[in-house]
Protein backbone atom coordinates (compact mmCIF):
# COMPACT_ATOMS: atom_id res chain seq x y z
CA MET A 1 0.06 90.04 -21.11
CA GLY A 2 3.83 90.20 -21.55
CA GLU A 3 5.71 93.44 -21.17
CA GLN A 4 5.27 95.40 -24.40
CA PRO A 5 7.72 98.07 -25.55
CA ALA A 6 6.01 101.44 -25.50
CA LYS A 7 7.17 104.38 -27.56
CA GLY A 8 10.44 105.71 -26.20
CA GLN A 9 11.59 102.50 -24.60
CA LEU A 10 13.84 101.45 -27.45
CA THR A 11 16.80 103.62 -26.45
CA ARG A 12 17.00 102.22 -22.95
CA ARG A 13 16.45 98.62 -23.98
CA ALA A 14 18.90 98.90 -26.87
CA SER A 15 21.42 100.50 -24.51
CA LEU A 16 21.06 97.76 -21.94
CA ASN A 17 21.22 95.07 -24.62
CA ALA A 18 24.43 96.64 -25.94
CA VAL A 19 25.88 96.74 -22.42
CA ALA A 20 24.89 93.11 -21.91
CA ALA A 21 26.52 92.20 -25.23
CA ALA A 22 29.70 94.00 -24.14
CA VAL A 23 29.74 92.19 -20.78
CA VAL A 24 29.34 88.78 -22.43
CA TYR A 25 31.92 89.75 -25.07
CA VAL A 26 34.50 90.68 -22.44
CA SER A 27 33.77 87.42 -20.66
CA ARG A 28 34.30 85.40 -23.85
CA LEU A 29 37.42 87.39 -24.66
CA ALA A 30 38.84 86.69 -21.22
CA VAL A 31 37.92 83.01 -21.43
CA GLY A 32 39.41 82.65 -24.92
CA PHE A 33 42.55 84.47 -23.86
CA VAL A 34 43.09 82.04 -20.99
CA VAL A 35 41.72 78.83 -22.51
CA ASN A 36 43.27 78.86 -26.00
CA PRO A 37 46.93 78.69 -24.90
CA ILE A 38 45.97 75.89 -22.48
CA LEU A 39 44.26 74.02 -25.33
CA VAL A 40 47.27 74.49 -27.61
CA ALA A 41 49.66 73.26 -24.93
CA GLY A 42 47.43 70.47 -23.65
CA LEU A 43 46.10 69.14 -26.95
CA GLY A 44 49.05 69.89 -29.24
CA SER A 45 49.10 71.73 -32.55
CA TYR A 46 47.38 68.97 -34.54
CA ALA A 47 44.55 68.30 -32.05
CA TYR A 48 43.97 72.03 -31.51
CA GLY A 49 43.68 72.58 -35.26
CA ALA A 50 41.36 69.57 -35.49
CA TRP A 51 39.20 71.05 -32.71
CA GLN A 52 38.89 74.27 -34.69
CA VAL A 53 37.84 72.38 -37.82
CA LEU A 54 35.32 70.25 -35.89
CA GLY A 55 33.77 73.41 -34.48
CA ARG A 56 33.23 74.76 -37.98
CA LEU A 57 31.81 71.43 -39.18
CA MET A 58 29.27 71.58 -36.36
CA GLY A 59 28.36 75.06 -37.54
CA TYR A 60 27.53 73.69 -40.98
CA MET A 61 25.65 70.76 -39.52
CA SER A 62 23.57 73.08 -37.32
CA ALA A 63 21.88 74.30 -40.49
CA THR A 64 20.36 70.85 -40.98
CA GLY A 65 18.60 71.24 -37.62
CA GLY A 66 16.20 73.77 -39.13
CA ARG A 67 17.27 76.71 -36.94
CA PRO A 68 13.88 76.79 -35.15
CA SER A 69 15.17 78.84 -32.22
CA GLN A 70 16.51 81.49 -34.59
CA ALA A 71 13.23 81.62 -36.49
CA LEU A 72 11.43 81.90 -33.13
CA LYS A 73 13.60 84.81 -32.03
CA TRP A 74 12.94 86.91 -35.12
CA SER A 75 9.26 85.95 -35.23
CA ILE A 76 8.80 87.15 -31.65
CA ALA A 77 10.85 90.29 -32.39
CA ASN A 78 8.59 91.10 -35.35
CA ARG A 79 5.52 90.68 -33.10
CA GLN A 80 6.82 92.56 -30.06
CA GLN A 81 3.95 95.00 -29.98
CA SER A 82 1.31 92.32 -30.47
CA SER A 83 -0.92 91.50 -27.49
CA GLU A 84 -1.87 88.09 -28.95
CA ILE A 85 -0.33 85.94 -26.24
CA ASP A 86 -1.73 82.67 -27.58
CA GLU A 87 -0.20 83.41 -30.98
CA LYS A 88 3.24 83.82 -29.39
CA ARG A 89 2.82 80.61 -27.40
CA ARG A 90 1.90 78.81 -30.59
CA GLN A 91 5.12 80.14 -32.09
CA VAL A 92 7.00 78.50 -29.21
CA GLY A 93 5.11 75.27 -29.83
CA SER A 94 5.93 75.44 -33.53
CA SER A 95 9.63 75.84 -32.81
CA LEU A 96 9.70 72.67 -30.71
CA ILE A 97 7.74 70.70 -33.31
CA VAL A 98 10.14 71.81 -36.04
CA ALA A 99 13.10 70.80 -33.85
CA VAL A 100 11.64 67.29 -33.60
CA LEU A 101 10.89 67.14 -37.34
CA PHE A 102 14.54 67.72 -38.19
CA LEU A 103 15.88 64.95 -35.95
CA PRO A 104 15.71 62.31 -38.74
CA ILE A 105 18.14 64.51 -40.68
CA LEU A 106 20.45 65.47 -37.82
CA VAL A 107 21.02 62.04 -36.34
CA PRO A 108 22.19 60.11 -39.43
CA LEU A 109 24.16 63.10 -40.71
CA GLY A 110 25.87 63.36 -37.35
CA ALA A 111 26.80 59.69 -37.52
CA ILE A 112 28.29 60.15 -40.98
CA ILE A 113 30.34 63.19 -39.96
CA SER A 114 31.54 61.44 -36.79
CA TRP A 115 32.79 58.48 -38.81
CA PHE A 116 34.48 60.38 -41.62
CA ALA A 117 35.93 63.34 -39.65
CA PRO A 118 39.26 61.58 -38.93
CA ILE A 119 39.57 60.64 -42.59
CA TRP A 120 38.97 64.22 -43.75
CA LEU A 121 41.57 65.44 -41.25
CA ASN A 122 44.15 62.77 -42.21
CA ALA A 123 44.25 61.75 -38.55
CA PRO A 124 47.09 59.57 -37.28
CA ALA A 125 46.01 56.16 -35.96
CA ASP A 126 46.02 57.20 -32.30
CA MET A 127 43.70 60.18 -33.02
CA VAL A 128 40.99 58.36 -35.01
CA GLY A 129 39.03 57.18 -31.97
CA PRO A 130 39.25 60.45 -29.99
CA ILE A 131 38.18 62.52 -33.01
CA ARG A 132 35.17 60.26 -33.66
CA LEU A 133 34.10 60.33 -30.01
CA ALA A 134 34.56 64.10 -29.74
CA THR A 135 32.55 64.62 -32.92
CA ALA A 136 29.73 62.38 -31.63
CA ILE A 137 29.56 64.42 -28.40
CA LEU A 138 29.48 67.68 -30.40
CA VAL A 139 26.64 66.27 -32.52
CA THR A 140 24.69 65.47 -29.33
CA ASN A 141 25.33 69.01 -28.13
CA LEU A 142 24.05 70.36 -31.43
CA ILE A 143 20.81 68.38 -31.19
CA LEU A 144 20.19 69.66 -27.65
CA ILE A 145 20.78 73.27 -28.67
CA ASN A 146 17.58 73.35 -30.78
CA PHE A 147 15.57 72.60 -27.64
CA VAL A 148 17.41 74.30 -24.79
CA THR A 149 17.85 77.66 -26.57
CA VAL A 150 14.08 78.23 -26.93
CA PRO A 151 13.80 80.23 -23.67
CA ARG A 152 16.75 82.43 -24.58
CA SER A 153 15.29 83.07 -28.05
CA VAL A 154 12.02 84.25 -26.49
CA LEU A 155 13.85 86.56 -24.08
CA GLU A 156 15.91 88.12 -26.87
CA GLY A 157 12.94 88.32 -29.23
CA GLU A 158 11.06 90.33 -26.63
CA ASN A 159 14.02 92.75 -26.56
CA LEU A 160 14.88 91.70 -23.01
CA GLY A 161 18.23 90.10 -23.70
CA TYR A 162 19.88 92.35 -21.12
CA LYS A 163 18.10 90.63 -18.24
CA ARG A 164 20.51 88.79 -15.95
CA MET A 165 23.52 89.91 -18.01
CA GLY A 166 25.84 89.06 -15.11
CA LEU A 167 24.55 85.50 -15.06
CA SER A 168 25.18 85.18 -18.82
CA ALA A 169 28.76 86.26 -18.31
CA LEU A 170 29.15 83.79 -15.44
CA LEU A 171 27.93 80.95 -17.67
CA VAL A 172 30.64 81.83 -20.21
CA LEU A 173 33.26 81.64 -17.47
CA VAL A 174 31.90 78.30 -16.26
CA GLY A 175 32.08 76.88 -19.79
CA GLY A 176 35.73 77.95 -20.06
CA ALA A 177 36.53 76.47 -16.65
CA LEU A 178 35.03 73.14 -17.69
CA MET A 179 37.30 73.05 -20.76
CA ILE A 180 40.37 73.77 -18.65
CA VAL A 181 39.44 70.98 -16.23
CA ALA A 182 39.02 68.58 -19.16
CA VAL A 183 42.47 69.42 -20.55
CA LYS A 184 44.18 69.26 -17.16
CA MET A 185 42.63 65.83 -16.55
CA GLY A 186 44.11 64.62 -19.83
CA ALA A 187 40.66 63.96 -21.32
CA GLY A 188 41.77 65.21 -24.76
CA LEU A 189 39.33 66.17 -27.48
CA PRO A 190 36.44 64.08 -26.09
CA GLY A 191 36.79 65.77 -22.70
CA VAL A 192 36.75 69.26 -24.22
CA ALA A 193 33.67 68.33 -26.25
CA LEU A 194 31.94 66.97 -23.13
CA ALA A 195 32.70 70.24 -21.32
CA LYS A 196 30.95 72.10 -24.14
CA LEU A 197 27.92 69.81 -23.83
CA LEU A 198 27.66 70.35 -20.06
CA ALA A 199 27.88 74.12 -20.54
CA THR A 200 25.01 74.00 -23.07
CA VAL A 201 22.74 72.07 -20.68
CA LEU A 202 23.55 74.42 -17.78
CA THR A 203 22.85 77.49 -19.93
CA GLY A 204 19.51 76.10 -21.14
CA VAL A 205 18.28 75.34 -17.63
CA THR A 206 19.37 78.75 -16.36
CA PHE A 207 17.60 80.68 -19.11
CA TYR A 208 14.40 78.68 -18.61
CA PHE A 209 14.06 80.12 -15.11
CA ILE A 210 15.09 83.61 -16.29
CA VAL A 211 12.47 83.74 -19.04
CA LYS A 212 9.79 82.46 -16.65
CA SER A 213 10.56 85.44 -14.42
CA TYR A 214 10.65 88.17 -17.07
CA VAL A 215 8.23 87.03 -19.79
CA PRO A 216 4.90 86.25 -18.07
CA TRP A 217 3.28 84.95 -21.24
CA PHE A 218 5.99 82.32 -21.83
CA GLY A 219 4.47 78.92 -22.36
CA LEU A 220 3.25 76.44 -24.98
CA ARG A 221 0.18 76.20 -27.14
CA ARG A 222 -0.38 73.61 -29.80
CA PRO A 223 -0.15 75.35 -33.18
CA SER A 224 -2.44 74.61 -36.09
CA ARG A 225 -1.07 72.73 -39.07
CA SER A 226 -1.04 75.90 -41.14
CA GLU A 227 0.95 77.74 -38.45
CA THR A 228 3.43 74.88 -38.21
CA ARG A 229 3.84 74.80 -41.99
CA ALA A 230 4.43 78.55 -42.07
CA PHE A 231 6.99 78.30 -39.26
CA LEU A 232 8.64 75.34 -40.97
CA GLY A 233 8.90 77.33 -44.18
CA LEU A 234 10.58 80.19 -42.30
CA SER A 235 12.86 77.70 -40.55
CA TRP A 236 13.94 76.27 -43.91
CA TRP A 237 15.17 79.68 -44.98
CA PHE A 238 16.94 80.20 -41.65
CA LEU A 239 18.42 76.74 -42.18
CA GLY A 240 19.69 77.82 -45.58
CA TRP A 241 21.12 81.02 -44.18
CA ARG A 242 22.82 79.23 -41.31
CA LEU A 243 24.66 77.03 -43.78
CA VAL A 244 25.51 79.95 -46.04
CA GLY A 245 26.52 82.14 -43.10
CA GLN A 246 28.80 79.46 -41.72
CA VAL A 247 30.56 79.08 -45.06
CA LEU A 248 30.94 82.84 -45.41
CA ARG A 249 32.26 83.30 -41.89
CA SER A 250 34.22 80.15 -41.12
CA GLY A 251 34.47 78.14 -44.31
CA ASP A 252 38.01 79.41 -44.54
CA VAL A 253 39.07 77.24 -41.61
CA VAL A 254 37.58 74.08 -43.13
CA VAL A 255 39.05 74.79 -46.58
CA LEU A 256 42.48 75.36 -45.04
CA GLY A 257 42.25 72.28 -42.84
CA ILE A 258 41.30 69.96 -45.70
CA ALA A 259 43.27 71.58 -48.53
CA ASP A 260 46.41 72.14 -46.46
CA SER A 261 46.84 70.97 -42.85
CA PRO A 262 45.45 71.32 -39.29
CA GLU A 263 48.83 72.76 -38.27
CA LEU A 264 48.35 75.69 -40.65
CA VAL A 265 44.80 76.08 -39.25
CA SER A 266 46.38 76.59 -35.82
CA VAL A 267 48.57 79.39 -37.18
CA TYR A 268 45.63 80.99 -39.02
CA THR A 269 43.12 80.84 -36.15
CA LEU A 270 45.59 82.11 -33.56
CA THR A 271 46.63 85.02 -35.79
CA ARG A 272 42.93 85.70 -36.38
CA TYR A 273 42.02 85.56 -32.69
CA VAL A 274 42.01 89.32 -32.04
CA PRO A 275 40.26 90.20 -35.33
CA GLU A 276 37.70 87.48 -34.59
CA THR A 277 36.94 89.04 -31.21
CA LEU A 278 36.08 92.23 -33.09
CA VAL A 279 33.59 90.33 -35.25
CA THR A 280 32.05 88.76 -32.17
CA PHE A 281 31.73 92.09 -30.37
CA VAL A 282 30.13 93.93 -33.28
CA LEU A 283 27.73 91.07 -34.00
CA MET A 284 26.70 90.83 -30.36
CA VAL A 285 26.02 94.56 -30.11
CA VAL A 286 24.05 94.57 -33.37
CA MET A 287 22.13 91.47 -32.30
CA GLY A 288 21.31 93.24 -29.04
CA VAL A 289 19.88 96.24 -30.89
CA ALA A 290 18.22 94.18 -33.64
CA PRO A 291 15.07 93.08 -31.74
CA GLY A 292 14.19 96.72 -31.10
CA LEU A 293 14.78 97.48 -34.78
CA GLY A 294 12.52 94.52 -35.54
CA GLY A 295 9.73 96.21 -33.64
CA LEU A 296 10.16 99.34 -35.77
CA ILE A 297 10.13 97.35 -39.01
CA GLY A 298 7.19 95.25 -37.86
CA SER A 299 5.20 98.41 -37.12
CA GLY A 300 6.08 99.94 -40.51
CA ASN A 301 8.22 102.82 -39.18
CA MET A 302 10.75 102.74 -42.01
CA SER A 303 12.14 106.27 -41.63
CA LYS A 304 13.15 105.58 -38.04
CA SER A 305 14.47 102.16 -39.07
CA ALA A 306 16.67 103.80 -41.72
CA GLN A 307 18.07 106.18 -39.12
CA VAL A 308 18.87 103.34 -36.73
CA ARG A 309 20.64 101.49 -39.56
CA SER A 310 22.73 104.58 -40.29
CA GLU A 311 23.76 104.73 -36.63
CA ILE A 312 24.67 101.02 -36.64
CA MET A 313 26.76 101.40 -39.79
CA ALA A 314 28.59 104.47 -38.48
CA PHE A 315 29.30 102.82 -35.13
CA THR A 316 30.48 99.64 -36.86
CA TRP A 317 32.82 101.59 -39.15
CA LEU A 318 34.31 103.57 -36.26
CA LEU A 319 34.89 100.50 -34.11
CA ALA A 320 36.30 98.43 -36.98
CA THR A 321 38.68 101.22 -38.02
CA ILE A 322 40.09 101.69 -34.52
CA ALA A 323 40.50 97.95 -34.07
CA GLY A 324 41.96 97.45 -37.57
CA VAL A 325 44.70 99.98 -36.98
CA GLY A 326 45.51 98.43 -33.61
CA ILE A 327 45.65 94.92 -35.09
CA LEU A 328 48.04 95.93 -37.87
CA LEU A 329 50.31 97.61 -35.33
CA TRP A 330 50.29 95.14 -32.46
CA ASN A 331 48.93 91.70 -33.48
CA ARG A 332 52.41 90.27 -34.09
CA SER A 333 53.45 91.29 -30.60
CA PHE A 334 50.23 89.88 -29.14
CA VAL A 335 50.59 86.47 -30.80
CA GLY A 336 54.26 86.30 -29.84
CA LEU A 337 53.54 86.99 -26.17
CA TRP A 338 50.44 84.80 -26.10
CA VAL A 339 51.41 81.55 -27.82
CA GLY A 340 54.74 82.21 -29.57
CA GLU A 341 55.70 84.13 -32.72
CA GLU A 342 55.81 80.89 -34.74
CA PHE A 343 52.00 81.04 -34.73
CA TYR A 344 51.92 84.49 -36.40
CA ALA A 345 50.85 84.18 -40.05
CA GLY A 346 52.78 87.17 -41.37
CA GLU A 347 52.27 90.80 -42.34
CA LEU A 348 50.29 90.33 -45.55
CA ALA A 349 48.07 87.64 -44.04
CA ASN A 350 47.41 89.91 -41.04
CA LEU A 351 46.33 92.73 -43.37
CA LEU A 352 44.02 90.49 -45.37
CA ILE A 353 42.46 89.13 -42.18
CA VAL A 354 41.68 92.69 -41.08
CA VAL A 355 40.05 93.43 -44.45
CA LEU A 356 38.03 90.21 -44.18
CA VAL A 357 36.74 91.38 -40.80
CA PHE A 358 35.75 94.75 -42.24
CA GLN A 359 33.86 93.13 -45.07
CA PHE A 360 32.10 90.58 -42.89
CA VAL A 361 30.80 92.88 -40.16
CA PHE A 362 29.07 95.13 -42.68
CA LEU A 363 27.57 92.15 -44.49
CA ARG A 364 26.19 90.79 -41.23
CA ASN A 365 24.74 94.17 -40.25
CA ASP A 366 22.52 94.18 -43.33
CA SER A 367 21.94 90.45 -43.03
CA HIS A 368 20.36 90.95 -39.59
CA ILE A 369 18.11 93.69 -40.96
CA ILE A 370 16.91 91.39 -43.74
CA ASP A 371 16.16 88.73 -41.09
CA LEU A 372 13.82 91.16 -39.35
CA THR A 373 11.65 91.42 -42.46
CA LEU A 374 11.14 87.61 -42.29
CA ASN A 375 11.70 87.54 -46.08
CA LEU A 376 14.92 85.59 -46.49
CA LYS A 377 14.66 83.94 -49.89
CA ASN A 378 16.77 86.31 -51.99
CA LYS A 379 19.26 86.80 -49.17
CA VAL A 380 19.88 83.06 -48.88
CA LEU A 381 20.11 82.44 -52.63
CA LEU A 382 22.56 85.28 -53.19
CA GLY A 383 24.54 84.24 -50.13
CA ALA A 384 24.76 80.67 -51.44
CA LEU A 385 26.20 81.96 -54.72
CA ALA A 386 28.78 84.08 -52.89
CA ALA A 387 29.68 81.21 -50.54
CA THR A 388 30.22 78.86 -53.48
CA LEU A 389 32.45 81.38 -55.22
CA SER A 390 34.41 81.99 -52.01
CA VAL A 391 35.14 78.30 -51.37
CA ALA A 392 35.99 77.60 -55.02
CA LEU A 393 38.36 80.54 -55.37
CA ALA A 394 40.03 79.87 -52.01
CA ALA A 395 40.46 76.15 -52.77
CA VAL A 396 42.06 76.89 -56.14
CA LEU A 397 44.46 79.43 -54.64
CA VAL A 398 45.44 77.12 -51.77
CA VAL A 399 45.67 73.81 -53.66
CA VAL A 400 46.73 74.81 -57.18
CA PHE A 401 48.83 77.89 -56.45
CA ASP A 402 49.99 76.84 -52.96
CA ALA A 403 49.12 80.35 -51.74
CA GLY A 404 48.36 79.25 -48.17
CA ILE A 405 46.66 81.72 -45.82
CA VAL A 406 47.10 84.65 -48.21
CA GLY A 407 45.33 82.77 -51.02
CA LEU A 408 42.61 81.65 -48.63
CA CYS A 409 41.85 85.23 -47.58
CA ALA A 410 41.98 86.54 -51.15
CA GLY A 411 39.53 83.89 -52.33
CA PHE A 412 36.98 84.69 -49.64
CA LEU A 413 37.34 88.44 -50.12
CA ALA A 414 36.61 88.10 -53.83
CA GLY A 415 33.74 85.64 -53.39
CA ARG A 416 31.99 87.69 -50.70
CA GLY A 417 32.44 90.93 -52.64
CA LEU A 418 29.22 90.20 -54.54
CA LEU A 419 27.21 90.64 -51.34
CA SER A 420 28.85 93.95 -50.44
CA ILE A 421 26.70 95.51 -53.17
CA LEU A 422 23.62 93.29 -53.26
CA TYR A 423 22.76 93.19 -49.54
CA PRO A 424 22.79 97.00 -49.10
CA ALA A 425 20.60 97.21 -52.21
CA MET A 426 18.10 94.77 -50.68
CA VAL A 427 17.99 96.67 -47.39
CA GLY A 428 17.70 99.94 -49.27
CA ARG A 429 14.55 98.73 -51.03
CA VAL A 430 12.94 97.86 -47.69
CA LEU A 431 13.92 101.05 -45.87
CA GLY A 432 13.64 103.44 -48.81
CA ILE A 433 17.39 104.16 -49.12
CA GLY A 434 18.81 104.35 -52.65
CA LEU A 435 21.94 102.33 -53.43
CA ALA A 436 23.56 105.27 -55.25
CA GLY A 437 23.16 107.40 -52.14
CA GLN A 438 24.67 104.67 -49.98
CA LEU A 439 27.69 104.43 -52.29
CA ARG A 440 28.22 108.20 -52.25
CA ARG A 441 28.15 108.24 -48.45
CA ALA A 442 30.66 105.37 -48.35
CA VAL A 443 33.38 107.23 -50.29
CA ARG A 444 34.63 109.31 -47.37
CA PRO A 445 34.79 106.45 -44.81
CA ALA A 446 36.43 104.17 -47.39
CA ALA A 447 39.14 106.72 -48.25
CA ALA A 448 39.81 107.38 -44.56
CA VAL A 449 40.13 103.73 -43.64
CA VAL A 450 42.46 102.98 -46.58
CA LEU A 451 44.74 105.82 -45.49
CA LEU A 452 44.73 104.84 -41.81
CA LEU A 453 45.32 101.13 -42.47
CA SER A 454 48.12 101.92 -44.93
CA LEU A 455 49.91 104.07 -42.36
CA ALA A 456 49.40 101.38 -39.71
CA LEU A 457 50.80 98.70 -42.04
CA LEU A 458 53.95 100.75 -42.66
CA ALA A 459 54.39 101.58 -38.99
CA GLY A 460 53.70 98.00 -37.91
CA ARG A 461 56.91 96.81 -39.58
CA ARG A 462 58.96 98.96 -37.22
CA VAL A 463 57.28 98.49 -33.84
CA ASP A 464 57.40 95.64 -31.36
CA VAL A 465 56.46 95.17 -27.70
CA ASP A 466 57.83 92.38 -25.55
CA THR A 467 55.81 92.76 -22.32
CA TRP A 468 52.10 92.48 -21.57
CA ILE A 469 52.05 95.75 -19.66
CA GLY A 470 53.67 97.53 -22.56
CA LEU A 471 51.25 95.94 -25.05
CA ILE A 472 48.22 96.97 -23.02
CA GLY A 473 49.59 100.51 -22.72
CA VAL A 474 50.30 101.01 -26.42
CA SER A 475 46.94 99.42 -27.39
CA ILE A 476 45.03 101.86 -25.20
CA ALA A 477 47.10 104.76 -26.51
CA THR A 478 46.47 103.66 -30.10
CA ALA A 479 42.70 103.51 -29.58
CA ALA A 480 42.71 106.91 -27.83
CA ALA A 481 44.68 108.49 -30.68
CA ILE A 482 42.94 106.85 -33.63
CA GLY A 483 39.37 107.17 -32.30
CA PRO A 484 39.06 110.98 -32.67
CA VAL A 485 40.97 110.96 -35.97
CA ALA A 486 38.64 108.34 -37.46
CA PHE A 487 35.55 110.05 -36.01
CA PHE A 488 36.27 113.39 -37.69
CA ALA A 489 38.09 112.19 -40.81
CA GLY A 490 35.82 109.33 -41.82
CA LEU A 491 32.31 110.34 -40.71
CA ASP A 492 30.32 113.22 -42.16
CA GLN A 493 28.52 115.76 -39.99
CA ASN A 494 25.22 113.89 -40.05
CA SER A 495 26.81 110.61 -38.93
CA ARG A 496 28.74 112.36 -36.18
CA ASN A 497 25.56 114.03 -34.97
CA LEU A 498 23.67 110.72 -34.96
CA LEU A 499 26.33 108.99 -32.89
CA THR A 500 26.74 111.92 -30.51
CA THR A 501 23.01 112.24 -29.97
CA ARG A 502 22.61 108.52 -29.44
CA ALA A 503 25.51 108.41 -26.97
CA THR A 504 23.97 111.30 -25.01
CA ARG A 505 20.58 109.58 -24.89
CA VAL A 506 22.12 106.26 -23.91
CA VAL A 507 24.06 107.80 -21.03
CA GLY A 508 20.97 109.72 -19.92
CA SER A 509 18.70 106.69 -20.01
CA LEU A 510 21.17 104.51 -18.12
CA ARG A 511 21.82 107.22 -15.53
CA THR A 512 18.17 107.99 -14.80
CA GLY A 513 16.91 104.42 -15.14
CA ARG A 514 14.05 105.67 -17.35
CA ASP A 515 13.28 105.00 -20.99
CA SER A 516 14.27 107.97 -23.10
């Protein structure tokens, strides 16, 4: 029998998962910080922007692979406390069967995207071949991901994602090193894509041996037809959400690349780099805690689940507020020191990017909770509506009104606004939390963040730092000053107590090495 989470283990496992998420996040941040300027310099502004667009296109295409590893992760998370080992092994078998079933969709679609990508990007003649080859390699990588991520999905579904966290961070560093080698060798876009493929294979092999060590039940059983059909049905909804989620999160890059230019994509993505790291960090921490929350939901403990959600929302708000203020104050200086001030999108665009980040992290928090219920239909349909509105509004503002990055951000903010009400309402019905109560509790944090961001926007016009040491110093000082202000001004007594109690328990559990 695999290791089952007993009562009281969730704090320690959630703590370790959060630590693991932070370690991997810092690794990715460090890699991105080093690799992106090398890519910009080595590939050039056009090719770098094209690489960003191709990455987003692969995200959309990944939805057509059925998302079996994602369905497997949440299915295992929902069954954490089950002792039916054969059932879990049949879930693994179902995920591999579904991955094979989607190949007839992935392969021809990949061929189509590989052929037309240079046309969509208005590629000059000398870039047509490299873009097609790079896209074909990325498609191959995408196909492999459905198979090689199965072990990792099982490990995370069993709430053991923190195992071998140092090795996970090392794999991130290796992937970045491979990209640098590709650029330095002059391999261009195809070389960078091949580096990504090699990193995927290496990660898959590594996690296979890790999961064999920590999940004794891991293995395969042939599922029945009814089990495969049920898993396929769940995968279809995860497929739908993957496509919707990609549009909601990164459709802006594709819209900008097609409606305007890859050069403007370079400016947008480099200005958005620091805000994007915030999204990544919050999502990784929430994803680390989510399997434990899945066990609570699966066992029917909705009152405890509601409390955990409140903690997640309060933590997310506090982190996003601190980061948002820092970004409005210092992002111009960061971009200028990092890649050159010509890649900074401007004050208004910077503000709208911060607001987009705020909106998205809260949407994804509730999105993950809905995933844990394994009932995705309404979430996907509503998300599809919001994604369609977002793309349409952004395209009109960029193409018709020539509003550039500002119009792009405004379109996505308006289109995604629908979900800012509907997703909390859906989660509230599951956890027994009324929407009216949620809105009342949101008034104080909303007022506080508007005030703090407004002050930061005004101050940001007057401050500048021209050294890395100075930038690091003022960033740390900003976080130290804003953190307590946001904590007391934006969170009510109950939220402060929840976070304080959780922090105390986390420190205690990590210090003693026991589950608290």
